[in-house]
Amino acid sequence: MLTIADLWKQGKIIINRIRFGLVLLFLLAMIGAKDEFQPKMFLIHMVGTCTMGFYCAVAYVLEKKTNPCMERHIGNTLDHSHGLHFY
């Protein structure tokens, strides 16, 4: 039986993995097409991609430091208040 907190946590992890994959794909594409870009355009795209990578890294670290007891408490509160259960 999955609680809302379990689904929420799994969703966050999957979304962050997708973001990491996109950052890698964007970086490889940018490096491969570097000669086709004007220097300013390349710099703008790299700053944006690196910003997304930084955001992914921060989200990963915060996910690892999350207190699992608090997540169980949130999930139990939601389950009892709304009667939502996923089987």
PDB file of N, CA and C in Angstrom:
ATOM      1  N   MET A   1       0.852  -1.166   0.000  1.00  0.00           N
ATOM      2  CA  MET A   1       0.000   0.000   0.000  1.00  0.00           C
ATOM      3  C   MET A   1       0.905   1.238   0.000  1.00  0.00           C
ATOM      4  N   LEU A   2       0.710   2.094  -0.989  1.00  0.00           N
ATOM      5  CA  LEU A   2       1.502   3.323  -1.081  1.00  0.00           C
ATOM      6  C   LEU A   2       0.701   4.486  -0.511  1.00  0.00           C
ATOM      7  N   THR A   3       1.347   5.249   0.315  1.00  0.00           N
ATOM      8  CA  THR A   3       0.705   6.446   0.847  1.00  0.00           C
ATOM      9  C   THR A   3       0.986   7.612  -0.093  1.00  0.00           C
ATOM     10  N   ILE A   4       0.320   8.707   0.131  1.00  0.00           N
ATOM     11  CA  ILE A   4       0.557   9.903  -0.662  1.00  0.00           C
ATOM     12  C   ILE A   4       2.006  10.353  -0.506  1.00  0.00           C
ATOM     13  N   ALA A   5       2.546  10.257   0.696  1.00  0.00           N
ATOM     14  CA  ALA A   5       3.934  10.654   0.928  1.00  0.00           C
ATOM     15  C   ALA A   5       4.892   9.785   0.117  1.00  0.00           C
ATOM     16  N   ASP A   6       4.613   8.468   0.027  1.00  0.00           N
ATOM     17  CA  ASP A   6       5.457   7.575  -0.773  1.00  0.00           C
ATOM     18  C   ASP A   6       5.428   7.962  -2.249  1.00  0.00           C
ATOM     19  N   LEU A   7       4.231   8.194  -2.769  1.00  0.00           N
ATOM     20  CA  LEU A   7       4.097   8.593  -4.168  1.00  0.00           C
ATOM     21  C   LEU A   7       4.784   9.924  -4.429  1.00  0.00           C
ATOM     22  N   TRP A   8       4.649  10.849  -3.483  1.00  0.00           N
ATOM     23  CA  TRP A   8       5.260  12.163  -3.622  1.00  0.00           C
ATOM     24  C   TRP A   8       6.783  12.044  -3.660  1.00  0.00           C
ATOM     25  N   LYS A   9       7.330  11.231  -2.766  1.00  0.00           N
ATOM     26  CA  LYS A   9       8.793  11.054  -2.704  1.00  0.00           C
ATOM     27  C   LYS A   9       9.305  10.370  -3.968  1.00  0.00           C
ATOM     28  N   GLN A  10       8.636   9.320  -4.420  1.00  0.00           N
ATOM     29  CA  GLN A  10       9.065   8.633  -5.631  1.00  0.00           C
ATOM     30  C   GLN A  10       8.997   9.562  -6.834  1.00  0.00           C
ATOM     31  N   GLY A  11       7.952  10.384  -6.890  1.00  0.00           N
ATOM     32  CA  GLY A  11       7.801  11.335  -7.993  1.00  0.00           C
ATOM     33  C   GLY A  11       8.924  12.345  -8.021  1.00  0.00           C
ATOM     34  N   LYS A  12       9.313  12.847  -6.855  1.00  0.00           N
ATOM     35  CA  LYS A  12      10.411  13.813  -6.787  1.00  0.00           C
ATOM     36  C   LYS A  12      11.714  13.194  -7.269  1.00  0.00           C
ATOM     37  N   ILE A  13      11.954  11.954  -6.895  1.00  0.00           N
ATOM     38  CA  ILE A  13      13.191  11.275  -7.289  1.00  0.00           C
ATOM     39  C   ILE A  13      13.208  11.048  -8.798  1.00  0.00           C
ATOM     40  N   ILE A  14      12.096  10.596  -9.352  1.00  0.00           N
ATOM     41  CA  ILE A  14      12.025  10.336 -10.794  1.00  0.00           C
ATOM     42  C   ILE A  14      12.189  11.631 -11.586  1.00  0.00           C
ATOM     43  N   ILE A  15      11.521  12.684 -11.159  1.00  0.00           N
ATOM     44  CA  ILE A  15      11.631  13.969 -11.852  1.00  0.00           C
ATOM     45  C   ILE A  15      13.072  14.467 -11.826  1.00  0.00           C
ATOM     46  N   ASN A  16      13.744  14.327 -10.708  1.00  0.00           N
ATOM     47  CA  ASN A  16      15.133  14.794 -10.622  1.00  0.00           C
ATOM     48  C   ASN A  16      16.051  13.955 -11.508  1.00  0.00           C
ATOM     49  N   ARG A  17      15.786  12.660 -11.633  1.00  0.00           N
ATOM     50  CA  ARG A  17      16.580  11.826 -12.538  1.00  0.00           C
ATOM     51  C   ARG A  17      16.378  12.264 -13.986  1.00  0.00           C
ATOM     52  N   ILE A  18      15.143  12.609 -14.335  1.00  0.00           N
ATOM     53  CA  ILE A  18      14.863  13.114 -15.679  1.00  0.00           C
ATOM     54  C   ILE A  18      15.616  14.416 -15.912  1.00  0.00           C
ATOM     55  N   ARG A  19      15.624  15.299 -14.917  1.00  0.00           N
ATOM     56  CA  ARG A  19      16.357  16.567 -15.041  1.00  0.00           C
ATOM     57  C   ARG A  19      17.849  16.318 -15.255  1.00  0.00           C
ATOM     58  N   PHE A  20      18.427  15.382 -14.482  1.00  0.00           N
ATOM     59  CA  PHE A  20      19.849  15.069 -14.660  1.00  0.00           C
ATOM     60  C   PHE A  20      20.113  14.566 -16.084  1.00  0.00           C
ATOM     61  N   GLY A  21      19.229  13.713 -16.587  1.00  0.00           N
ATOM     62  CA  GLY A  21      19.374  13.215 -17.953  1.00  0.00           C
ATOM     63  C   GLY A  21      19.305  14.336 -18.976  1.00  0.00           C
ATOM     64  N   LEU A  22      18.390  15.272 -18.768  1.00  0.00           N
ATOM     65  CA  LEU A  22      18.284  16.401 -19.684  1.00  0.00           C
ATOM     66  C   LEU A  22      19.522  17.292 -19.633  1.00  0.00           C
ATOM     67  N   VAL A  23      20.049  17.515 -18.443  1.00  0.00           N
ATOM     68  CA  VAL A  23      21.269  18.329 -18.320  1.00  0.00           C
ATOM     69  C   VAL A  23      22.399  17.660 -19.094  1.00  0.00           C
ATOM     70  N   LEU A  24      22.555  16.359 -18.928  1.00  0.00           N
ATOM     71  CA  LEU A  24      23.599  15.637 -19.650  1.00  0.00           C
ATOM     72  C   LEU A  24      23.378  15.736 -21.163  1.00  0.00           C
ATOM     73  N   LEU A  25      22.154  15.531 -21.607  1.00  0.00           N
ATOM     74  CA  LEU A  25      21.834  15.620 -23.024  1.00  0.00           C
ATOM     75  C   LEU A  25      22.112  17.021 -23.566  1.00  0.00           C
ATOM     76  N   PHE A  26      21.682  18.053 -22.830  1.00  0.00           N
ATOM     77  CA  PHE A  26      21.918  19.430 -23.265  1.00  0.00           C
ATOM     78  C   PHE A  26      23.410  19.741 -23.332  1.00  0.00           C
ATOM     79  N   LEU A  27      24.165  19.300 -22.320  1.00  0.00           N
ATOM     80  CA  LEU A  27      25.611  19.555 -22.321  1.00  0.00           C
ATOM     81  C   LEU A  27      26.298  18.886 -23.517  1.00  0.00           C
ATOM     82  N   LEU A  28      25.938  17.635 -23.775  1.00  0.00           N
ATOM     83  CA  LEU A  28      26.526  16.937 -24.920  1.00  0.00           C
ATOM     84  C   LEU A  28      26.144  17.605 -26.237  1.00  0.00           C
ATOM     85  N   ALA A  29      24.900  18.012 -26.356  1.00  0.00           N
ATOM     86  CA  ALA A  29      24.453  18.698 -27.573  1.00  0.00           C
ATOM     87  C   ALA A  29      25.168  20.034 -27.741  1.00  0.00           C
ATOM     88  N   MET A  30      25.337  20.759 -26.637  1.00  0.00           N
ATOM     89  CA  MET A  30      26.007  22.054 -26.704  1.00  0.00           C
ATOM     90  C   MET A  30      27.477  21.893 -27.084  1.00  0.00           C
ATOM     91  N   ILE A  31      28.130  20.928 -26.499  1.00  0.00           N
ATOM     92  CA  ILE A  31      29.542  20.691 -26.808  1.00  0.00           C
ATOM     93  C   ILE A  31      29.694  20.257 -28.275  1.00  0.00           C
ATOM     94  N   GLY A  32      28.777  19.408 -28.729  1.00  0.00           N
ATOM     95  CA  GLY A  32      28.829  18.938 -30.114  1.00  0.00           C
ATOM     96  C   GLY A  32      28.565  20.028 -31.135  1.00  0.00           C
ATOM     97  N   ALA A  33      27.755  21.003 -30.777  1.00  0.00           N
ATOM     98  CA  ALA A  33      27.391  22.066 -31.709  1.00  0.00           C
ATOM     99  C   ALA A  33      28.075  23.390 -31.398  1.00  0.00           C
ATOM    100  N   LYS A  34      29.128  23.343 -30.621  1.00  0.00           N
ATOM    101  CA  LYS A  34      29.801  24.567 -30.172  1.00  0.00           C
ATOM    102  C   LYS A  34      30.237  25.457 -31.339  1.00  0.00           C
ATOM    103  N   ASP A  35      30.750  24.876 -32.389  1.00  0.00           N
ATOM    104  CA  ASP A  35      31.240  25.657 -33.525  1.00  0.00           C
ATOM    105  C   ASP A  35      30.112  26.334 -34.301  1.00  0.00           C
ATOM    106  N   GLU A  36      28.890  25.861 -34.158  1.00  0.00           N
ATOM    107  CA  GLU A  36      27.751  26.438 -34.879  1.00  0.00           C
ATOM    108  C   GLU A  36      27.159  27.651 -34.168  1.00  0.00           C
ATOM    109  N   PHE A  37      27.490  27.838 -32.899  1.00  0.00           N
ATOM    110  CA  PHE A  37      26.938  28.931 -32.106  1.00  0.00           C
ATOM    111  C   PHE A  37      27.856  30.145 -32.141  1.00  0.00           C
ATOM    112  N   GLN A  38      27.255  31.307 -32.035  1.00  0.00           N
ATOM    113  CA  GLN A  38      28.044  32.500 -31.761  1.00  0.00           C
ATOM    114  C   GLN A  38      28.496  32.400 -30.304  1.00  0.00           C
ATOM    115  N   PRO A  39      29.627  32.956 -29.954  1.00  0.00           N
ATOM    116  CA  PRO A  39      30.137  32.825 -28.582  1.00  0.00           C
ATOM    117  C   PRO A  39      29.153  33.281 -27.502  1.00  0.00           C
ATOM    118  N   LYS A  40      28.458  34.385 -27.735  1.00  0.00           N
ATOM    119  CA  LYS A  40      27.498  34.860 -26.728  1.00  0.00           C
ATOM    120  C   LYS A  40      26.334  33.886 -26.572  1.00  0.00           C
ATOM    121  N   MET A  41      25.851  33.374 -27.682  1.00  0.00           N
ATOM    122  CA  MET A  41      24.728  32.424 -27.636  1.00  0.00           C
ATOM    123  C   MET A  41      25.141  31.136 -26.922  1.00  0.00           C
ATOM    124  N   PHE A  42      26.351  30.675 -27.214  1.00  0.00           N
ATOM    125  CA  PHE A  42      26.845  29.468 -26.550  1.00  0.00           C
ATOM    126  C   PHE A  42      26.955  29.693 -25.043  1.00  0.00           C
ATOM    127  N   LEU A  43      27.481  30.848 -24.670  1.00  0.00           N
ATOM    128  CA  LEU A  43      27.621  31.175 -23.248  1.00  0.00           C
ATOM    129  C   LEU A  43      26.256  31.235 -22.558  1.00  0.00           C
ATOM    130  N   ILE A  44      25.277  31.852 -23.202  1.00  0.00           N
ATOM    131  CA  ILE A  44      23.928  31.951 -22.624  1.00  0.00           C
ATOM    132  C   ILE A  44      23.336  30.555 -22.416  1.00  0.00           C
ATOM    133  N   HIS A  45      23.457  29.696 -23.423  1.00  0.00           N
ATOM    134  CA  HIS A  45      22.917  28.331 -23.297  1.00  0.00           C
ATOM    135  C   HIS A  45      23.650  27.534 -22.220  1.00  0.00           C
ATOM    136  N   MET A  46      24.958  27.690 -22.145  1.00  0.00           N
ATOM    137  CA  MET A  46      25.716  26.953 -21.134  1.00  0.00           C
ATOM    138  C   MET A  46      25.385  27.431 -19.725  1.00  0.00           C
ATOM    139  N   VAL A  47      25.208  28.738 -19.557  1.00  0.00           N
ATOM    140  CA  VAL A  47      24.825  29.257 -18.234  1.00  0.00           C
ATOM    141  C   VAL A  47      23.472  28.684 -17.831  1.00  0.00           C
ATOM    142  N   GLY A  48      22.524  28.659 -18.750  1.00  0.00           N
ATOM    143  CA  GLY A  48      21.199  28.095 -18.447  1.00  0.00           C
ATOM    144  C   GLY A  48      21.262  26.620 -18.111  1.00  0.00           C
ATOM    145  N   THR A  49      22.025  25.866 -18.885  1.00  0.00           N
ATOM    146  CA  THR A  49      22.147  24.425 -18.641  1.00  0.00           C
ATOM    147  C   THR A  49      22.870  24.149 -17.328  1.00  0.00           C
ATOM    148  N   CYS A  50      23.920  24.910 -17.048  1.00  0.00           N
ATOM    149  CA  CYS A  50      24.644  24.728 -15.786  1.00  0.00           C
ATOM    150  C   CYS A  50      23.793  25.138 -14.587  1.00  0.00           C
ATOM    151  N   THR A  51      22.951  26.142 -14.767  1.00  0.00           N
ATOM    152  CA  THR A  51      22.023  26.535 -13.699  1.00  0.00           C
ATOM    153  C   THR A  51      21.047  25.401 -13.399  1.00  0.00           C
ATOM    154  N   MET A  52      20.542  24.767 -14.452  1.00  0.00           N
ATOM    155  CA  MET A  52      19.644  23.631 -14.261  1.00  0.00           C
ATOM    156  C   MET A  52      20.376  22.474 -13.578  1.00  0.00           C
ATOM    157  N   GLY A  53      21.636  22.247 -13.962  1.00  0.00           N
ATOM    158  CA  GLY A  53      22.434  21.206 -13.317  1.00  0.00           C
ATOM    159  C   GLY A  53      22.653  21.499 -11.846  1.00  0.00           C
ATOM    160  N   PHE A  54      22.918  22.766 -11.520  1.00  0.00           N
ATOM    161  CA  PHE A  54      23.089  23.165 -10.121  1.00  0.00           C
ATOM    162  C   PHE A  54      21.804  22.924  -9.338  1.00  0.00           C
ATOM    163  N   TYR A  55      20.666  23.287  -9.936  1.00  0.00           N
ATOM    164  CA  TYR A  55      19.366  23.065  -9.297  1.00  0.00           C
ATOM    165  C   TYR A  55      19.140  21.570  -9.043  1.00  0.00           C
ATOM    166  N   CYS A  56      19.497  20.736 -10.015  1.00  0.00           N
ATOM    167  CA  CYS A  56      19.347  19.285  -9.843  1.00  0.00           C
ATOM    168  C   CYS A  56      20.228  18.771  -8.712  1.00  0.00           C
ATOM    169  N   ALA A  57      21.454  19.271  -8.645  1.00  0.00           N
ATOM    170  CA  ALA A  57      22.365  18.831  -7.588  1.00  0.00           C
ATOM    171  C   ALA A  57      21.841  19.246  -6.217  1.00  0.00           C
ATOM    172  N   VAL A  58      21.320  20.472  -6.103  1.00  0.00           N
ATOM    173  CA  VAL A  58      20.762  20.937  -4.830  1.00  0.00           C
ATOM    174  C   VAL A  58      19.554  20.092  -4.448  1.00  0.00           C
ATOM    175  N   ALA A  59      18.675  19.814  -5.418  1.00  0.00           N
ATOM    176  CA  ALA A  59      17.501  18.983  -5.140  1.00  0.00           C
ATOM    177  C   ALA A  59      17.916  17.585  -4.697  1.00  0.00           C
ATOM    178  N   TYR A  60      18.973  17.038  -5.298  1.00  0.00           N
ATOM    179  CA  TYR A  60      19.463  15.707  -4.924  1.00  0.00           C
ATOM    180  C   TYR A  60      19.979  15.703  -3.487  1.00  0.00           C
ATOM    181  N   VAL A  61      20.779  16.712  -3.151  1.00  0.00           N
ATOM    182  CA  VAL A  61      21.334  16.788  -1.795  1.00  0.00           C
ATOM    183  C   VAL A  61      20.214  16.973  -0.771  1.00  0.00           C
ATOM    184  N   LEU A  62      19.275  17.840  -1.068  1.00  0.00           N
ATOM    185  CA  LEU A  62      18.162  18.062  -0.136  1.00  0.00           C
ATOM    186  C   LEU A  62      17.311  16.808   0.023  1.00  0.00           C
ATOM    187  N   GLU A  63      17.142  16.054  -1.048  1.00  0.00           N
ATOM    188  CA  GLU A  63      16.369  14.811  -0.975  1.00  0.00           C
ATOM    189  C   GLU A  63      17.070  13.798  -0.074  1.00  0.00           C
ATOM    190  N   LYS A  64      18.399  13.739  -0.144  1.00  0.00           N
ATOM    191  CA  LYS A  64      19.149  12.808   0.691  1.00  0.00           C
ATOM    192  C   LYS A  64      19.130  13.211   2.165  1.00  0.00           C
ATOM    193  N   LYS A  65      18.965  14.507   2.442  1.00  0.00           N
ATOM    194  CA  LYS A  65      18.972  14.988   3.820  1.00  0.00           C
ATOM    195  C   LYS A  65      17.574  15.082   4.425  1.00  0.00           C
ATOM    196  N   THR A  66      16.543  14.759   3.656  1.00  0.00           N
ATOM    197  CA  THR A  66      15.176  14.856   4.150  1.00  0.00           C
ATOM    198  C   THR A  66      14.952  13.892   5.298  1.00  0.00           C
ATOM    199  N   ASN A  67      14.248  14.358   6.305  1.00  0.00           N
ATOM    200  CA  ASN A  67      13.945  13.539   7.473  1.00  0.00           C
ATOM    201  C   ASN A  67      12.807  12.575   7.136  1.00  0.00           C
ATOM    202  N   PRO A  68      13.056  11.260   7.053  1.00  0.00           N
ATOM    203  CA  PRO A  68      11.999  10.317   6.692  1.00  0.00           C
ATOM    204  C   PRO A  68      10.875  10.259   7.729  1.00  0.00           C
ATOM    205  N   CYS A  69      11.167  10.558   8.982  1.00  0.00           N
ATOM    206  CA  CYS A  69      10.115  10.545   9.998  1.00  0.00           C
ATOM    207  C   CYS A  69       9.077  11.621   9.696  1.00  0.00           C
ATOM    208  N   MET A  70       9.535  12.776   9.255  1.00  0.00           N
ATOM    209  CA  MET A  70       8.622  13.859   8.932  1.00  0.00           C
ATOM    210  C   MET A  70       7.753  13.488   7.740  1.00  0.00           C
ATOM    211  N   GLU A  71       8.330  12.818   6.741  1.00  0.00           N
ATOM    212  CA  GLU A  71       7.549  12.411   5.584  1.00  0.00           C
ATOM    213  C   GLU A  71       6.475  11.399   5.990  1.00  0.00           C
ATOM    214  N   ARG A  72       6.815  10.471   6.882  1.00  0.00           N
ATOM    215  CA  ARG A  72       5.803   9.521   7.349  1.00  0.00           C
ATOM    216  C   ARG A  72       4.701  10.260   8.074  1.00  0.00           C
ATOM    217  N   HIS A  73       5.058  11.258   8.883  1.00  0.00           N
ATOM    218  CA  HIS A  73       4.066  12.036   9.611  1.00  0.00           C
ATOM    219  C   HIS A  73       3.142  12.766   8.640  1.00  0.00           C
ATOM    220  N   ILE A  74       3.709  13.365   7.619  1.00  0.00           N
ATOM    221  CA  ILE A  74       2.897  14.080   6.633  1.00  0.00           C
ATOM    222  C   ILE A  74       1.977  13.102   5.923  1.00  0.00           C
ATOM    223  N   GLY A  75       2.527  11.955   5.510  1.00  0.00           N
ATOM    224  CA  GLY A  75       1.706  10.965   4.818  1.00  0.00           C
ATOM    225  C   GLY A  75       0.582  10.444   5.692  1.00  0.00           C
ATOM    226  N   ASN A  76       0.863  10.155   6.955  1.00  0.00           N
ATOM    227  CA  ASN A  76      -0.177   9.671   7.861  1.00  0.00           C
ATOM    228  C   ASN A  76      -1.237  10.730   8.096  1.00  0.00           C
ATOM    229  N   THR A  77      -0.823  11.972   8.227  1.00  0.00           N
ATOM    230  CA  THR A  77      -1.796  13.051   8.416  1.00  0.00           C
ATOM    231  C   THR A  77      -2.708  13.147   7.211  1.00  0.00           C
ATOM    232  N   LEU A  78      -2.139  13.073   6.011  1.00  0.00           N
ATOM    233  CA  LEU A  78      -2.957  13.155   4.804  1.00  0.00           C
ATOM    234  C   LEU A  78      -3.882  11.958   4.692  1.00  0.00           C
ATOM    235  N   ASP A  79      -3.370  10.757   4.991  1.00  0.00           N
ATOM    236  CA  ASP A  79      -4.193   9.561   4.898  1.00  0.00           C
ATOM    237  C   ASP A  79      -5.376   9.621   5.852  1.00  0.00           C
ATOM    238  N   HIS A  80      -5.145  10.059   7.070  1.00  0.00           N
ATOM    239  CA  HIS A  80      -6.211  10.069   8.058  1.00  0.00           C
ATOM    240  C   HIS A  80      -7.200  11.211   7.821  1.00  0.00           C
ATOM    241  N   SER A  81      -6.707  12.329   7.336  1.00  0.00           N
ATOM    242  CA  SER A  81      -7.615  13.464   7.166  1.00  0.00           C
ATOM    243  C   SER A  81      -8.486  13.324   5.933  1.00  0.00           C
ATOM    244  N   HIS A  82      -7.978  12.661   4.882  1.00  0.00           N
ATOM    245  CA  HIS A  82      -8.756  12.562   3.653  1.00  0.00           C
ATOM    246  C   HIS A  82      -9.155  11.127   3.313  1.00  0.00           C
ATOM    247  N   GLY A  83      -8.617  10.171   4.029  1.00  0.00           N
ATOM    248  CA  GLY A  83      -8.957   8.787   3.781  1.00  0.00           C
ATOM    249  C   GLY A  83      -8.447   8.299   2.437  1.00  0.00           C
ATOM    250  N   LEU A  84      -7.328   8.873   1.912  1.00  0.00           N
ATOM    251  CA  LEU A  84      -6.806   8.479   0.625  1.00  0.00           C
ATOM    252  C   LEU A  84      -5.764   7.378   0.797  1.00  0.00           C
ATOM    253  N   HIS A  85      -5.979   6.275   0.133  1.00  0.00           N
ATOM    254  CA  HIS A  85      -5.022   5.173   0.172  1.00  0.00           C
ATOM    255  C   HIS A  85      -4.843   4.662  -1.249  1.00  0.00           C
ATOM    256  N   PHE A  86      -3.617   4.291  -1.596  1.00  0.00           N
ATOM    257  CA  PHE A  86      -3.322   3.750  -2.913  1.00  0.00           C
ATOM    258  C   PHE A  86      -2.838   2.319  -2.736  1.00  0.00           C
ATOM    259  N   TYR A  87      -3.444   1.413  -3.444  1.00  0.00           N
ATOM    260  CA  TYR A  87      -3.096   0.002  -3.335  1.00  0.00           C
ATOM    261  C   TYR A  87      -2.438  -0.470  -4.604  1.00  0.00           C
TER     262      TYR A  87
END
